[in-house]
Amino acid sequence: MVNESEVNDGERRAQLESLNREKAIVALPVIIYLCLVFLVGIIGNSLVVYVYHYRLRRSPSRYFIIFLAIQDLISCSLGCPIEIVDLAEPYIFTATWACKIMRFVTSVTIISSCFILICVSFDRFYKICNPLKGFPIRKVKVLFLCLMCLSVLLSWPAFVVFGKKTVETEISGLNGTECSTSDGIVGTIYPIVYYTFLFICYLLLLIIFGFFYTRIGYEIFKRKRLSLRDSLPAGMRNVNNGNAKHSNRLSIDELDLSAVSSQTEEHSKETSSRKISDETILGPNQKCQIHKRTTSLDALKNLKTKISFSRMSVRTVRTTAVFFAVTVAFVVSFMPYLIANILKFRKLGFTDTSDHSIYVVYNFCVRSYFVSSLINPIIYGAMNRSFRKECKLTFRRIFQKMCFCSRICDDQHQM
């Protein structure tokens, strides 16, 4: 004979599963969004790591891009699948440790990305103000390891804050469980400390981001106002005018930088040996001509240096623009996540989950941080010509290998 309590438990379970299916269908747009992030994010960020590490010239700025791509890759590969399971089981989620690990990984990637972008903003400011200086690659690697350790250390509260939470359903007296703030810490100070810390990190990023990039913009604007003609020394213009009557007159427009380099090197080697003899043997007029020639060569050397600075600053400005776009994407994508969680925790909004539109909007908001993982490879492709070129070559090589393998398989079948 079947026990009445067993029948009731079976009915409650069936009702809960039915409500769970209905709720999962409502969350289908968010699930599709996460599937898109999972596929595009893994492919795009894997391509970023491969191209920037193996195909492009290594530099500190490109290592920062690699480290950001690694964070995005971890977020997409580990975070998205568990988030999809969480949405598919809004009332019957029971994997407590999976919930804790998912929230911990999310916290680590968010905090570490925040720290990396802070370091990037300082690196860009330092690079713009000191074009010939920068962080050594080895120091960048050590910095990344330190930031990862610090992020793991600061993310441990996620294991305490998150877990199974009892939620009410549309049927009175029938409750389910979801992955959210754990029942054991509701009403304690831990959730407040956790979200306050995330808010402080976000606010710190905004302040540092605004300060450094405002200074960077000012420096770039100030330098663009200086033309190449204004940067030429007066000695260069005087020498060109004074030598107009000679057959070997120089023209700035036809200046060969390689010739300038060789002339300056020969001049530096000969100056010390000829200085005494010139002063004792030559007359006043000849000394004046030698002085003019020395001034001309020194001016050409300075011009070459300034032109190289100009070329390098163009590359620096382009790289800075890429990091600016990445930082803006992170700030904008993280904002809905932070606001939605704080509003729901303080019971100021998103409390009526029975409203389907509110439920969908809330679930989009609390997973908005995935947008930066999705869009970062697109930013690199849109703003870096070398990256686009290497991506095309990589896909071409993959396609050629696939065609070669299929051709071999066809030959084997025919045999």
Protein backbone atom coordinates (compact mmCIF):
# COMPACT_ATOMS: atom_id res chain seq x y z
CA MET A 1 0.00 0.00 0.00
CA VAL A 2 1.38 3.42 -1.02
CA ASN A 3 2.00 5.89 1.78
CA GLU A 4 0.05 9.17 1.54
CA SER A 5 3.18 11.22 2.21
CA GLU A 6 4.93 9.51 -0.72
CA VAL A 7 2.00 10.39 -3.00
CA ASN A 8 2.10 14.00 -1.82
CA ASP A 9 5.87 14.17 -2.35
CA GLY A 10 5.47 12.71 -5.84
CA GLU A 11 2.75 15.18 -6.72
CA ARG A 12 4.76 18.09 -5.35
CA ARG A 13 7.77 16.95 -7.35
CA ALA A 14 5.69 16.67 -10.53
CA GLN A 15 4.19 20.11 -9.99
CA LEU A 16 7.62 21.58 -9.31
CA GLU A 17 9.06 20.06 -12.50
CA SER A 18 6.11 21.36 -14.51
CA LEU A 19 6.60 24.88 -13.14
CA ASN A 20 10.33 24.53 -13.77
CA ARG A 21 9.76 23.74 -17.47
CA GLU A 22 7.46 26.73 -17.86
CA LYS A 23 9.98 29.03 -16.21
CA ALA A 24 12.84 27.66 -18.32
CA ILE A 25 10.86 28.42 -21.49
CA VAL A 26 10.41 32.01 -20.29
CA ALA A 27 14.20 32.28 -19.84
CA LEU A 28 14.86 30.89 -23.33
CA PRO A 29 16.08 34.27 -24.75
CA VAL A 30 18.69 34.47 -22.00
CA ILE A 31 19.75 30.86 -22.63
CA ILE A 32 20.19 31.61 -26.35
CA TYR A 33 22.24 34.68 -25.43
CA LEU A 34 24.52 32.56 -23.20
CA CYS A 35 24.93 29.92 -25.92
CA LEU A 36 26.01 32.68 -28.31
CA VAL A 37 28.47 34.03 -25.74
CA PHE A 38 29.80 30.52 -25.15
CA LEU A 39 30.47 29.79 -28.83
CA VAL A 40 31.67 33.20 -30.01
CA GLY A 41 33.56 33.91 -26.78
CA ILE A 42 35.54 30.67 -26.83
CA ILE A 43 36.39 30.90 -30.54
CA GLY A 44 37.15 34.63 -30.46
CA ASN A 45 39.24 34.69 -27.30
CA SER A 46 41.13 31.52 -28.26
CA LEU A 47 41.98 33.24 -31.53
CA VAL A 48 43.13 36.33 -29.63
CA VAL A 49 45.45 34.29 -27.40
CA TYR A 50 46.88 32.36 -30.37
CA VAL A 51 47.43 35.34 -32.69
CA TYR A 52 48.82 37.73 -30.09
CA HIS A 53 51.09 35.11 -28.54
CA TYR A 54 52.34 33.21 -31.58
CA ARG A 55 51.80 35.38 -34.66
CA LEU A 56 52.42 38.99 -33.58
CA ARG A 57 55.49 40.65 -32.13
CA ARG A 58 55.48 40.39 -28.35
CA SER A 59 55.23 43.56 -26.31
CA PRO A 60 53.93 44.50 -22.83
CA SER A 61 50.69 45.92 -24.24
CA ARG A 62 50.00 42.75 -26.22
CA TYR A 63 50.58 40.64 -23.12
CA PHE A 64 47.91 42.68 -21.35
CA ILE A 65 45.56 41.77 -24.22
CA ILE A 66 46.50 38.08 -23.85
CA PHE A 67 45.79 38.15 -20.12
CA LEU A 68 42.41 39.80 -20.65
CA ALA A 69 41.57 37.19 -23.30
CA ILE A 70 42.50 34.41 -20.85
CA GLN A 71 40.08 35.86 -18.29
CA ASP A 72 37.34 36.07 -20.92
CA LEU A 73 38.08 32.51 -22.03
CA ILE A 74 37.75 31.20 -18.46
CA SER A 75 34.55 33.16 -17.98
CA CYS A 76 32.98 31.80 -21.18
CA SER A 77 34.12 28.18 -20.88
CA LEU A 78 33.33 27.69 -17.17
CA GLY A 79 30.72 30.32 -16.39
CA CYS A 80 28.33 30.00 -19.33
CA PRO A 81 27.54 26.24 -19.05
CA ILE A 82 26.66 26.45 -15.36
CA GLU A 83 24.64 29.62 -15.94
CA ILE A 84 22.68 27.79 -18.63
CA VAL A 85 21.99 24.94 -16.20
CA ASP A 86 20.91 27.47 -13.58
CA LEU A 87 18.40 29.01 -16.01
CA ALA A 88 17.17 25.60 -17.12
CA GLU A 89 16.55 24.61 -13.48
CA PRO A 90 15.09 27.71 -11.80
CA TYR A 91 13.17 25.64 -9.21
CA ILE A 92 15.07 22.35 -9.00
CA PHE A 93 18.73 23.45 -8.85
CA THR A 94 20.40 21.31 -6.17
CA ALA A 95 24.12 21.32 -7.13
CA THR A 96 25.35 23.47 -4.26
CA TRP A 97 29.07 23.17 -4.99
CA ALA A 98 28.57 23.83 -8.69
CA CYS A 99 26.79 27.04 -7.70
CA LYS A 100 29.60 28.08 -5.36
CA ILE A 101 32.33 27.32 -7.94
CA MET A 102 30.45 29.18 -10.67
CA ARG A 103 30.05 32.32 -8.55
CA PHE A 104 33.66 32.07 -7.37
CA VAL A 105 34.99 31.86 -10.96
CA THR A 106 32.78 34.79 -11.93
CA SER A 107 34.11 36.83 -9.03
CA VAL A 108 37.75 35.99 -9.86
CA THR A 109 37.40 36.93 -13.53
CA ILE A 110 35.59 40.19 -12.75
CA ILE A 111 38.05 41.33 -10.06
CA SER A 112 41.16 40.30 -12.03
CA SER A 113 39.87 42.00 -15.20
CA CYS A 114 39.21 45.12 -13.16
CA PHE A 115 42.77 45.10 -11.78
CA ILE A 116 44.29 44.42 -15.21
CA LEU A 117 42.41 47.34 -16.76
CA ILE A 118 43.63 49.60 -13.95
CA CYS A 119 47.22 48.55 -14.71
CA VAL A 120 46.56 49.05 -18.43
CA SER A 121 45.37 52.62 -17.89
CA PHE A 122 48.55 53.41 -15.95
CA ASP A 123 50.69 51.70 -18.61
CA ARG A 124 49.04 53.73 -21.40
CA PHE A 125 49.51 56.99 -19.49
CA TYR A 126 53.16 56.14 -18.81
CA LYS A 127 53.73 55.15 -22.43
CA ILE A 128 52.19 58.34 -23.82
CA CYS A 129 54.20 60.58 -21.49
CA ASN A 130 57.43 58.53 -21.83
CA PRO A 131 57.46 57.09 -25.38
CA LEU A 132 60.87 55.43 -25.02
CA LYS A 133 60.06 53.72 -21.72
CA GLY A 134 57.67 50.96 -20.75
CA PHE A 135 57.15 47.89 -18.61
CA PRO A 136 59.44 44.94 -19.39
CA ILE A 137 57.55 41.82 -20.48
CA ARG A 138 58.88 39.85 -17.52
CA LYS A 139 57.45 42.40 -15.07
CA VAL A 140 54.09 42.27 -16.84
CA LYS A 141 53.99 38.47 -16.39
CA VAL A 142 54.89 38.75 -12.70
CA LEU A 143 52.27 41.47 -12.28
CA PHE A 144 49.61 39.24 -13.85
CA LEU A 145 50.44 36.35 -11.49
CA CYS A 146 50.26 38.70 -8.50
CA LEU A 147 46.91 40.09 -9.66
CA MET A 148 45.51 36.58 -10.13
CA CYS A 149 46.59 35.55 -6.62
CA LEU A 150 45.08 38.73 -5.19
CA SER A 151 41.83 38.15 -7.11
CA VAL A 152 41.55 34.58 -5.82
CA LEU A 153 42.21 35.82 -2.29
CA LEU A 154 39.55 38.52 -2.55
CA SER A 155 36.97 36.20 -4.17
CA TRP A 156 36.79 33.57 -1.44
CA PRO A 157 33.64 35.17 0.14
CA ALA A 158 31.74 33.88 -2.91
CA PHE A 159 31.99 30.37 -1.42
CA VAL A 160 30.21 31.66 1.68
CA VAL A 161 27.70 34.02 0.10
CA PHE A 162 26.28 31.78 -2.64
CA GLY A 163 24.55 28.42 -2.55
CA LYS A 164 21.03 26.98 -2.57
CA LYS A 165 18.26 29.45 -1.88
CA THR A 166 14.62 28.60 -1.25
CA VAL A 167 12.26 30.40 -3.63
CA GLU A 168 8.49 30.61 -3.71
CA THR A 169 6.55 29.38 -6.73
CA GLU A 170 3.19 30.37 -8.18
CA ILE A 171 1.57 27.61 -6.11
CA SER A 172 1.13 28.53 -2.46
CA GLY A 173 3.14 26.31 -0.13
CA LEU A 174 5.25 24.85 -2.96
CA ASN A 175 8.85 26.05 -2.83
CA GLY A 176 11.83 25.36 -5.05
CA THR A 177 15.59 25.95 -4.87
CA GLU A 178 17.85 28.11 -7.04
CA CYS A 179 21.51 29.15 -7.18
CA SER A 180 21.61 32.48 -5.40
CA THR A 181 22.40 33.98 -2.01
CA SER A 182 22.48 31.02 0.38
CA ASP A 183 19.65 30.61 2.89
CA GLY A 184 22.23 30.29 5.68
CA ILE A 185 23.54 33.83 5.34
CA VAL A 186 20.34 35.73 4.60
CA GLY A 187 20.18 38.60 7.06
CA THR A 188 23.92 38.51 7.83
CA ILE A 189 26.61 41.05 6.93
CA TYR A 190 28.39 38.82 4.37
CA PRO A 191 26.28 39.71 1.32
CA ILE A 192 26.57 43.41 2.17
CA VAL A 193 30.36 43.17 2.43
CA TYR A 194 30.59 41.21 -0.83
CA TYR A 195 28.52 43.58 -2.95
CA THR A 196 30.09 46.63 -1.30
CA PHE A 197 33.53 45.35 -2.25
CA LEU A 198 32.45 44.80 -5.87
CA PHE A 199 31.00 48.29 -5.94
CA ILE A 200 34.25 49.77 -4.55
CA CYS A 201 36.29 47.94 -7.21
CA TYR A 202 33.96 49.25 -9.89
CA LEU A 203 34.09 52.80 -8.51
CA LEU A 204 37.88 52.62 -8.24
CA LEU A 205 38.12 51.54 -11.87
CA LEU A 206 35.88 54.44 -12.94
CA ILE A 207 37.96 57.01 -11.03
CA ILE A 208 41.34 55.73 -12.26
CA PHE A 209 39.96 55.21 -15.76
CA GLY A 210 38.62 58.76 -15.89
CA PHE A 211 41.80 60.31 -14.49
CA PHE A 212 44.36 58.53 -16.68
CA TYR A 213 42.43 58.59 -19.95
CA THR A 214 41.56 62.26 -19.49
CA ARG A 215 45.26 63.00 -19.08
CA ILE A 216 46.06 60.78 -22.07
CA GLY A 217 43.51 62.62 -24.22
CA TYR A 218 44.98 65.96 -23.17
CA GLU A 219 48.54 64.83 -24.03
CA ILE A 220 47.47 63.53 -27.44
CA PHE A 221 45.54 66.73 -28.20
CA LYS A 222 48.51 68.86 -27.16
CA ARG A 223 50.93 66.91 -29.36
CA LYS A 224 48.68 67.00 -32.40
CA ARG A 225 48.83 70.78 -32.33
CA LEU A 226 52.57 70.67 -32.96
CA SER A 227 53.44 70.37 -36.63
CA LEU A 228 56.62 68.91 -38.04
CA ARG A 229 57.64 72.29 -39.45
CA ASP A 230 57.36 73.94 -36.04
CA SER A 231 59.48 71.18 -34.54
CA LEU A 232 62.38 71.80 -36.98
CA PRO A 233 65.30 73.64 -35.32
CA ALA A 234 66.23 77.13 -36.50
CA GLY A 235 69.71 75.90 -37.43
CA MET A 236 68.21 73.55 -40.02
CA ARG A 237 66.38 76.39 -41.80
CA ASN A 238 69.44 78.67 -41.67
CA VAL A 239 71.71 75.99 -43.10
CA ASN A 240 69.32 75.28 -45.96
CA ASN A 241 69.13 78.99 -46.79
CA GLY A 242 72.91 79.52 -46.43
CA ASN A 243 73.78 76.57 -48.66
CA ALA A 244 71.41 77.60 -51.47
CA LYS A 245 74.33 78.74 -53.62
CA HIS A 246 76.06 75.36 -53.37
CA SER A 247 75.31 72.41 -55.60
CA ASN A 248 74.81 69.96 -52.71
CA ARG A 249 71.79 71.71 -51.19
CA LEU A 250 69.58 69.52 -48.99
CA SER A 251 65.81 69.26 -49.25
CA ILE A 252 63.76 68.18 -46.25
CA ASP A 253 61.08 66.60 -48.43
CA GLU A 254 63.67 64.34 -50.07
CA LEU A 255 65.53 63.51 -46.88
CA ASP A 256 66.76 59.92 -46.66
CA LEU A 257 66.81 58.88 -43.02
CA SER A 258 69.26 56.07 -43.68
CA ALA A 259 71.70 58.55 -45.20
CA VAL A 260 71.23 60.81 -42.20
CA SER A 261 72.02 57.92 -39.90
CA SER A 262 75.26 57.06 -41.72
CA GLN A 263 76.34 60.70 -41.88
CA THR A 264 75.74 61.26 -38.20
CA GLU A 265 77.61 58.09 -37.28
CA GLU A 266 80.62 59.09 -39.45
CA HIS A 267 80.48 62.59 -38.09
CA SER A 268 80.51 61.42 -34.46
CA LYS A 269 83.55 59.21 -35.14
CA GLU A 270 85.53 61.93 -36.93
CA THR A 271 84.67 64.89 -34.71
CA SER A 272 87.06 64.09 -31.86
CA SER A 273 90.08 63.47 -34.14
CA ARG A 274 89.50 66.53 -36.33
CA LYS A 275 88.52 69.06 -33.69
CA ILE A 276 92.07 70.14 -32.66
CA SER A 277 93.50 70.18 -36.19
CA ASP A 278 90.56 72.24 -37.47
CA GLU A 279 91.06 74.86 -34.80
CA THR A 280 94.84 75.17 -35.37
CA ILE A 281 95.06 74.90 -39.16
CA LEU A 282 91.85 76.38 -40.57
CA GLY A 283 91.03 80.04 -40.79
CA PRO A 284 87.96 81.85 -39.42
CA ASN A 285 85.85 81.40 -42.59
CA GLN A 286 86.60 77.68 -42.78
CA LYS A 287 85.76 77.27 -39.10
CA CYS A 288 82.39 78.88 -39.77
CA GLN A 289 81.68 76.42 -42.59
CA ILE A 290 82.59 73.45 -40.40
CA HIS A 291 80.38 74.82 -37.64
CA LYS A 292 77.50 75.09 -40.10
CA ARG A 293 78.05 71.54 -41.30
CA THR A 294 78.11 70.27 -37.70
CA THR A 295 74.89 72.14 -36.97
CA SER A 296 73.31 70.67 -40.10
CA LEU A 297 74.19 67.09 -39.19
CA ASP A 298 73.07 67.54 -35.59
CA ALA A 299 69.80 69.03 -36.83
CA LEU A 300 69.26 66.11 -39.20
CA LYS A 301 69.93 63.69 -36.37
CA ASN A 302 67.38 65.48 -34.18
CA LEU A 303 64.89 65.43 -37.05
CA LYS A 304 65.32 61.68 -37.46
CA THR A 305 64.71 61.19 -33.73
CA LYS A 306 61.58 63.34 -33.81
CA ILE A 307 60.20 61.50 -36.84
CA SER A 308 60.79 58.15 -35.11
CA PHE A 309 59.03 59.51 -32.02
CA SER A 310 56.12 60.53 -34.24
CA ARG A 311 55.86 57.08 -35.79
CA MET A 312 56.05 55.38 -32.42
CA SER A 313 53.46 57.71 -30.92
CA VAL A 314 51.02 56.79 -33.71
CA ARG A 315 51.32 53.11 -32.77
CA THR A 316 50.99 54.01 -29.09
CA VAL A 317 47.87 56.08 -29.71
CA ARG A 318 46.26 53.25 -31.70
CA THR A 319 46.99 50.73 -28.94
CA THR A 320 45.65 53.19 -26.37
CA ALA A 321 42.43 53.54 -28.39
CA VAL A 322 42.00 49.74 -28.34
CA PHE A 323 42.41 49.58 -24.55
CA PHE A 324 40.08 52.56 -24.14
CA ALA A 325 37.36 50.71 -26.08
CA VAL A 326 37.94 47.51 -24.06
CA THR A 327 37.70 49.42 -20.78
CA VAL A 328 34.50 51.18 -21.85
CA ALA A 329 33.01 47.81 -22.85
CA PHE A 330 33.86 46.36 -19.42
CA VAL A 331 32.46 49.34 -17.51
CA VAL A 332 29.21 49.41 -19.50
CA SER A 333 28.67 45.63 -19.40
CA PHE A 334 29.35 45.33 -15.66
CA MET A 335 27.02 48.15 -14.63
CA PRO A 336 23.66 46.29 -15.13
CA TYR A 337 25.02 43.25 -13.21
CA LEU A 338 25.97 45.36 -10.21
CA ILE A 339 22.80 47.47 -10.19
CA ALA A 340 20.43 44.49 -10.59
CA ASN A 341 22.06 42.49 -7.78
CA ILE A 342 22.07 45.44 -5.39
CA LEU A 343 18.43 46.31 -6.16
CA LYS A 344 17.24 42.76 -5.63
CA PHE A 345 19.32 42.25 -2.50
CA ARG A 346 17.95 45.46 -0.97
CA LYS A 347 14.45 44.49 -2.22
CA LEU A 348 14.21 47.72 -4.22
CA GLY A 349 13.52 46.06 -7.55
CA PHE A 350 13.14 42.78 -9.46
CA THR A 351 11.20 41.27 -6.56
CA ASP A 352 8.17 40.10 -8.59
CA THR A 353 9.67 37.25 -10.62
CA SER A 354 6.18 36.03 -11.58
CA ASP A 355 6.13 38.82 -14.17
CA HIS A 356 7.81 37.23 -17.18
CA SER A 357 9.21 40.46 -18.61
CA ILE A 358 10.78 41.45 -15.28
CA TYR A 359 12.20 37.93 -14.91
CA VAL A 360 13.84 38.03 -18.36
CA VAL A 361 15.22 41.55 -17.89
CA TYR A 362 16.65 40.63 -14.49
CA ASN A 363 18.39 37.51 -15.82
CA PHE A 364 19.85 39.48 -18.72
CA CYS A 365 21.15 42.11 -16.29
CA VAL A 366 22.81 39.70 -13.85
CA ARG A 367 24.63 38.10 -16.79
CA SER A 368 25.48 41.32 -18.61
CA TYR A 369 29.18 41.05 -17.72
CA PHE A 370 29.50 38.32 -20.38
CA VAL A 371 29.04 41.03 -23.03
CA SER A 372 32.64 42.22 -22.58
CA SER A 373 33.92 38.65 -23.12
CA LEU A 374 31.89 38.52 -26.32
CA ILE A 375 32.78 41.94 -27.70
CA ASN A 376 36.50 42.17 -26.87
CA PRO A 377 37.66 39.98 -29.81
CA ILE A 378 35.42 42.09 -32.07
CA ILE A 379 37.12 45.26 -30.79
CA TYR A 380 40.57 43.83 -31.50
CA GLY A 381 39.49 42.81 -34.99
CA ALA A 382 37.92 46.17 -35.78
CA MET A 383 40.78 48.33 -34.48
CA ASN A 384 43.92 46.27 -35.17
CA ARG A 385 44.82 45.70 -38.81
CA SER A 386 47.60 43.22 -37.99
CA PHE A 387 45.21 41.11 -35.91
CA ARG A 388 42.66 41.03 -38.74
CA LYS A 389 45.33 39.99 -41.23
CA GLU A 390 46.63 37.17 -39.02
CA CYS A 391 43.08 35.95 -38.32
CA LYS A 392 42.40 35.69 -42.06
CA LEU A 393 45.63 33.77 -42.58
CA THR A 394 44.82 31.46 -39.66
CA PHE A 395 41.35 30.64 -40.99
CA ARG A 396 42.82 30.12 -44.45
CA ARG A 397 45.35 27.62 -43.08
CA ILE A 398 42.63 25.80 -41.15
CA PHE A 399 40.42 25.65 -44.25
CA GLN A 400 43.31 24.33 -46.38
CA LYS A 401 44.08 21.62 -43.81
CA MET A 402 40.41 20.61 -43.68
CA CYS A 403 40.27 20.38 -47.48
CA PHE A 404 43.48 18.35 -47.52
CA CYS A 405 42.14 15.92 -44.88
CA SER A 406 38.83 15.51 -46.70
CA ARG A 407 40.70 14.85 -49.95
CA ILE A 408 42.75 12.12 -48.27
CA CYS A 409 39.59 10.53 -46.83
CA ASP A 410 37.94 10.54 -50.26
CA ASP A 411 41.01 8.88 -51.81
CA GLN A 412 40.98 6.18 -49.13
CA HIS A 413 37.27 5.47 -49.70
CA GLN A 414 37.82 5.19 -53.45
CA MET A 415 40.62 2.69 -52.89
